[in-house]
Amino acid sequence: MTVLKIILMLCISAMVGDFVLVIFESMPINIWVARFIGGVGASLSALLFAYLFIFKDKKQRQ
């Protein structure tokens, strides 16, 4: 995995987490719950991109 893919993956997952946070921030819930949900969204998107970039790339090389 190249450094460019890692940086791209981190930036996109941070944007996804921020987008989820903005959506839940406007709801009448505690801000820490909204931040936690945004963090979960960022983590899940990072895991998805890691799966796509790492495991799919390794399968193609074999």
N, C-alpha and C. Protein backbone atom coordinates (compact mmCIF):
# COMPACT_ATOMS: atom_id res chain seq x y z
N MET A 1 0.85 -1.16 0.00
CA MET A 1 0.00 0.00 0.00
C MET A 1 0.90 1.23 0.00
N THR A 2 0.67 2.09 -0.93
CA THR A 2 1.52 3.26 -1.03
C THR A 2 1.09 4.32 -0.03
N VAL A 3 1.95 5.26 0.17
CA VAL A 3 1.67 6.35 1.11
C VAL A 3 0.50 7.20 0.61
N LEU A 4 0.41 7.37 -0.69
CA LEU A 4 -0.69 8.15 -1.26
C LEU A 4 -2.04 7.50 -0.96
N LYS A 5 -2.11 6.19 -1.05
CA LYS A 5 -3.37 5.49 -0.75
C LYS A 5 -3.73 5.64 0.73
N ILE A 6 -2.73 5.58 1.60
CA ILE A 6 -2.99 5.72 3.03
C ILE A 6 -3.50 7.12 3.34
N ILE A 7 -2.87 8.13 2.79
CA ILE A 7 -3.31 9.51 3.03
C ILE A 7 -4.69 9.74 2.47
N LEU A 8 -4.95 9.21 1.28
CA LEU A 8 -6.27 9.34 0.68
C LEU A 8 -7.33 8.64 1.52
N MET A 9 -7.01 7.47 2.02
CA MET A 9 -7.93 6.72 2.86
C MET A 9 -8.24 7.48 4.15
N LEU A 10 -7.24 8.06 4.77
CA LEU A 10 -7.45 8.80 6.01
C LEU A 10 -8.27 10.07 5.78
N CYS A 11 -7.99 10.77 4.69
CA CYS A 11 -8.74 12.00 4.40
C CYS A 11 -10.20 11.71 4.10
N ILE A 12 -10.46 10.69 3.31
CA ILE A 12 -11.84 10.36 2.96
C ILE A 12 -12.60 9.87 4.18
N SER A 13 -11.97 9.06 5.01
CA SER A 13 -12.66 8.57 6.20
C SER A 13 -12.91 9.70 7.20
N ALA A 14 -12.01 10.67 7.28
CA ALA A 14 -12.24 11.83 8.15
C ALA A 14 -13.39 12.68 7.62
N MET A 15 -13.49 12.82 6.29
CA MET A 15 -14.61 13.57 5.72
C MET A 15 -15.95 12.86 5.96
N VAL A 16 -15.94 11.54 5.86
CA VAL A 16 -17.17 10.78 6.13
C VAL A 16 -17.57 10.94 7.59
N GLY A 17 -16.63 10.83 8.49
CA GLY A 17 -16.93 11.02 9.91
C GLY A 17 -17.44 12.41 10.22
N ASP A 18 -16.87 13.42 9.58
CA ASP A 18 -17.34 14.79 9.78
C ASP A 18 -18.74 14.98 9.22
N PHE A 19 -19.02 14.35 8.09
CA PHE A 19 -20.36 14.44 7.50
C PHE A 19 -21.40 13.81 8.42
N VAL A 20 -21.08 12.64 8.98
CA VAL A 20 -21.99 11.98 9.91
C VAL A 20 -22.16 12.83 11.17
N LEU A 21 -21.09 13.43 11.64
CA LEU A 21 -21.16 14.29 12.83
C LEU A 21 -22.06 15.48 12.57
N VAL A 22 -21.95 16.11 11.42
CA VAL A 22 -22.80 17.27 11.10
C VAL A 22 -24.27 16.88 11.09
N ILE A 23 -24.56 15.70 10.56
CA ILE A 23 -25.96 15.25 10.53
C ILE A 23 -26.49 15.03 11.93
N PHE A 24 -25.73 14.31 12.76
CA PHE A 24 -26.21 14.00 14.11
C PHE A 24 -26.08 15.19 15.07
N GLU A 25 -25.25 16.16 14.73
CA GLU A 25 -25.09 17.32 15.60
C GLU A 25 -26.35 18.18 15.62
N SER A 26 -27.09 18.19 14.51
CA SER A 26 -28.28 19.01 14.43
C SER A 26 -29.48 18.37 15.13
N MET A 27 -29.36 17.11 15.52
CA MET A 27 -30.44 16.43 16.22
C MET A 27 -30.38 16.76 17.71
N PRO A 28 -31.51 16.64 18.38
CA PRO A 28 -31.52 16.98 19.82
C PRO A 28 -30.99 15.85 20.69
N ILE A 29 -29.72 15.51 20.50
CA ILE A 29 -29.07 14.51 21.35
C ILE A 29 -27.80 15.13 21.93
N ASN A 30 -27.23 14.44 22.87
CA ASN A 30 -26.00 14.91 23.50
C ASN A 30 -24.89 14.99 22.46
N ILE A 31 -24.05 16.02 22.55
CA ILE A 31 -22.99 16.23 21.56
C ILE A 31 -21.97 15.10 21.58
N TRP A 32 -21.76 14.50 22.76
CA TRP A 32 -20.78 13.41 22.84
C TRP A 32 -21.29 12.16 22.15
N VAL A 33 -22.58 11.96 22.15
CA VAL A 33 -23.15 10.83 21.41
C VAL A 33 -22.98 11.07 19.91
N ALA A 34 -23.20 12.29 19.47
CA ALA A 34 -23.02 12.63 18.06
C ALA A 34 -21.55 12.47 17.65
N ARG A 35 -20.64 12.88 18.51
CA ARG A 35 -19.21 12.73 18.20
C ARG A 35 -18.82 11.26 18.15
N PHE A 36 -19.37 10.46 19.05
CA PHE A 36 -19.08 9.03 19.05
C PHE A 36 -19.59 8.38 17.76
N ILE A 37 -20.80 8.73 17.34
CA ILE A 37 -21.35 8.18 16.10
C ILE A 37 -20.53 8.63 14.90
N GLY A 38 -20.05 9.87 14.91
CA GLY A 38 -19.18 10.34 13.84
C GLY A 38 -17.86 9.58 13.81
N GLY A 39 -17.32 9.29 14.97
CA GLY A 39 -16.10 8.50 15.05
C GLY A 39 -16.29 7.07 14.57
N VAL A 40 -17.44 6.50 14.89
CA VAL A 40 -17.75 5.16 14.40
C VAL A 40 -17.88 5.17 12.87
N GLY A 41 -18.52 6.21 12.34
CA GLY A 41 -18.63 6.33 10.89
C GLY A 41 -17.27 6.46 10.21
N ALA A 42 -16.38 7.22 10.81
CA ALA A 42 -15.03 7.37 10.25
C ALA A 42 -14.27 6.06 10.34
N SER A 43 -14.41 5.35 11.45
CA SER A 43 -13.72 4.07 11.61
C SER A 43 -14.22 3.03 10.62
N LEU A 44 -15.53 2.96 10.45
CA LEU A 44 -16.08 1.98 9.52
C LEU A 44 -15.69 2.28 8.08
N SER A 45 -15.67 3.55 7.71
CA SER A 45 -15.26 3.89 6.35
C SER A 45 -13.77 3.61 6.15
N ALA A 46 -12.96 3.83 7.18
CA ALA A 46 -11.52 3.51 7.07
C ALA A 46 -11.31 2.01 6.93
N LEU A 47 -12.08 1.21 7.67
CA LEU A 47 -11.97 -0.24 7.53
C LEU A 47 -12.40 -0.70 6.15
N LEU A 48 -13.44 -0.08 5.61
CA LEU A 48 -13.90 -0.43 4.27
C LEU A 48 -12.85 -0.09 3.22
N PHE A 49 -12.27 1.09 3.31
CA PHE A 49 -11.23 1.47 2.35
C PHE A 49 -9.98 0.61 2.51
N ALA A 50 -9.64 0.26 3.75
CA ALA A 50 -8.48 -0.60 3.97
C ALA A 50 -8.72 -1.96 3.35
N TYR A 51 -9.93 -2.48 3.50
CA TYR A 51 -10.25 -3.77 2.88
C TYR A 51 -10.13 -3.66 1.36
N LEU A 52 -10.67 -2.60 0.80
CA LEU A 52 -10.63 -2.45 -0.66
C LEU A 52 -9.21 -2.24 -1.16
N PHE A 53 -8.41 -1.46 -0.46
CA PHE A 53 -7.06 -1.16 -0.92
C PHE A 53 -6.07 -2.27 -0.62
N ILE A 54 -6.18 -2.92 0.55
CA ILE A 54 -5.18 -3.91 0.96
C ILE A 54 -5.52 -5.30 0.44
N PHE A 55 -6.70 -5.80 0.82
CA PHE A 55 -7.01 -7.18 0.52
C PHE A 55 -7.30 -7.39 -0.97
N LYS A 56 -7.97 -6.47 -1.59
CA LYS A 56 -8.24 -6.61 -3.02
C LYS A 56 -6.94 -6.48 -3.81
N ASP A 57 -6.06 -5.61 -3.36
CA ASP A 57 -4.78 -5.42 -4.04
C ASP A 57 -3.90 -6.66 -3.92
N LYS A 58 -3.90 -7.31 -2.74
CA LYS A 58 -3.11 -8.51 -2.55
C LYS A 58 -3.64 -9.67 -3.40
N LYS A 59 -4.97 -9.75 -3.53
CA LYS A 59 -5.55 -10.83 -4.34
C LYS A 59 -5.21 -10.64 -5.82
N GLN A 60 -5.15 -9.41 -6.27
CA GLN A 60 -4.84 -9.15 -7.67
C GLN A 60 -3.37 -9.45 -7.98
N ARG A 61 -2.50 -9.32 -7.01
CA ARG A 61 -1.07 -9.57 -7.21
C ARG A 61 -0.76 -11.06 -7.31
N GLN A 62 -1.60 -11.89 -6.71
CA GLN A 62 -1.34 -13.33 -6.71
C GLN A 62 -1.67 -13.97 -8.00
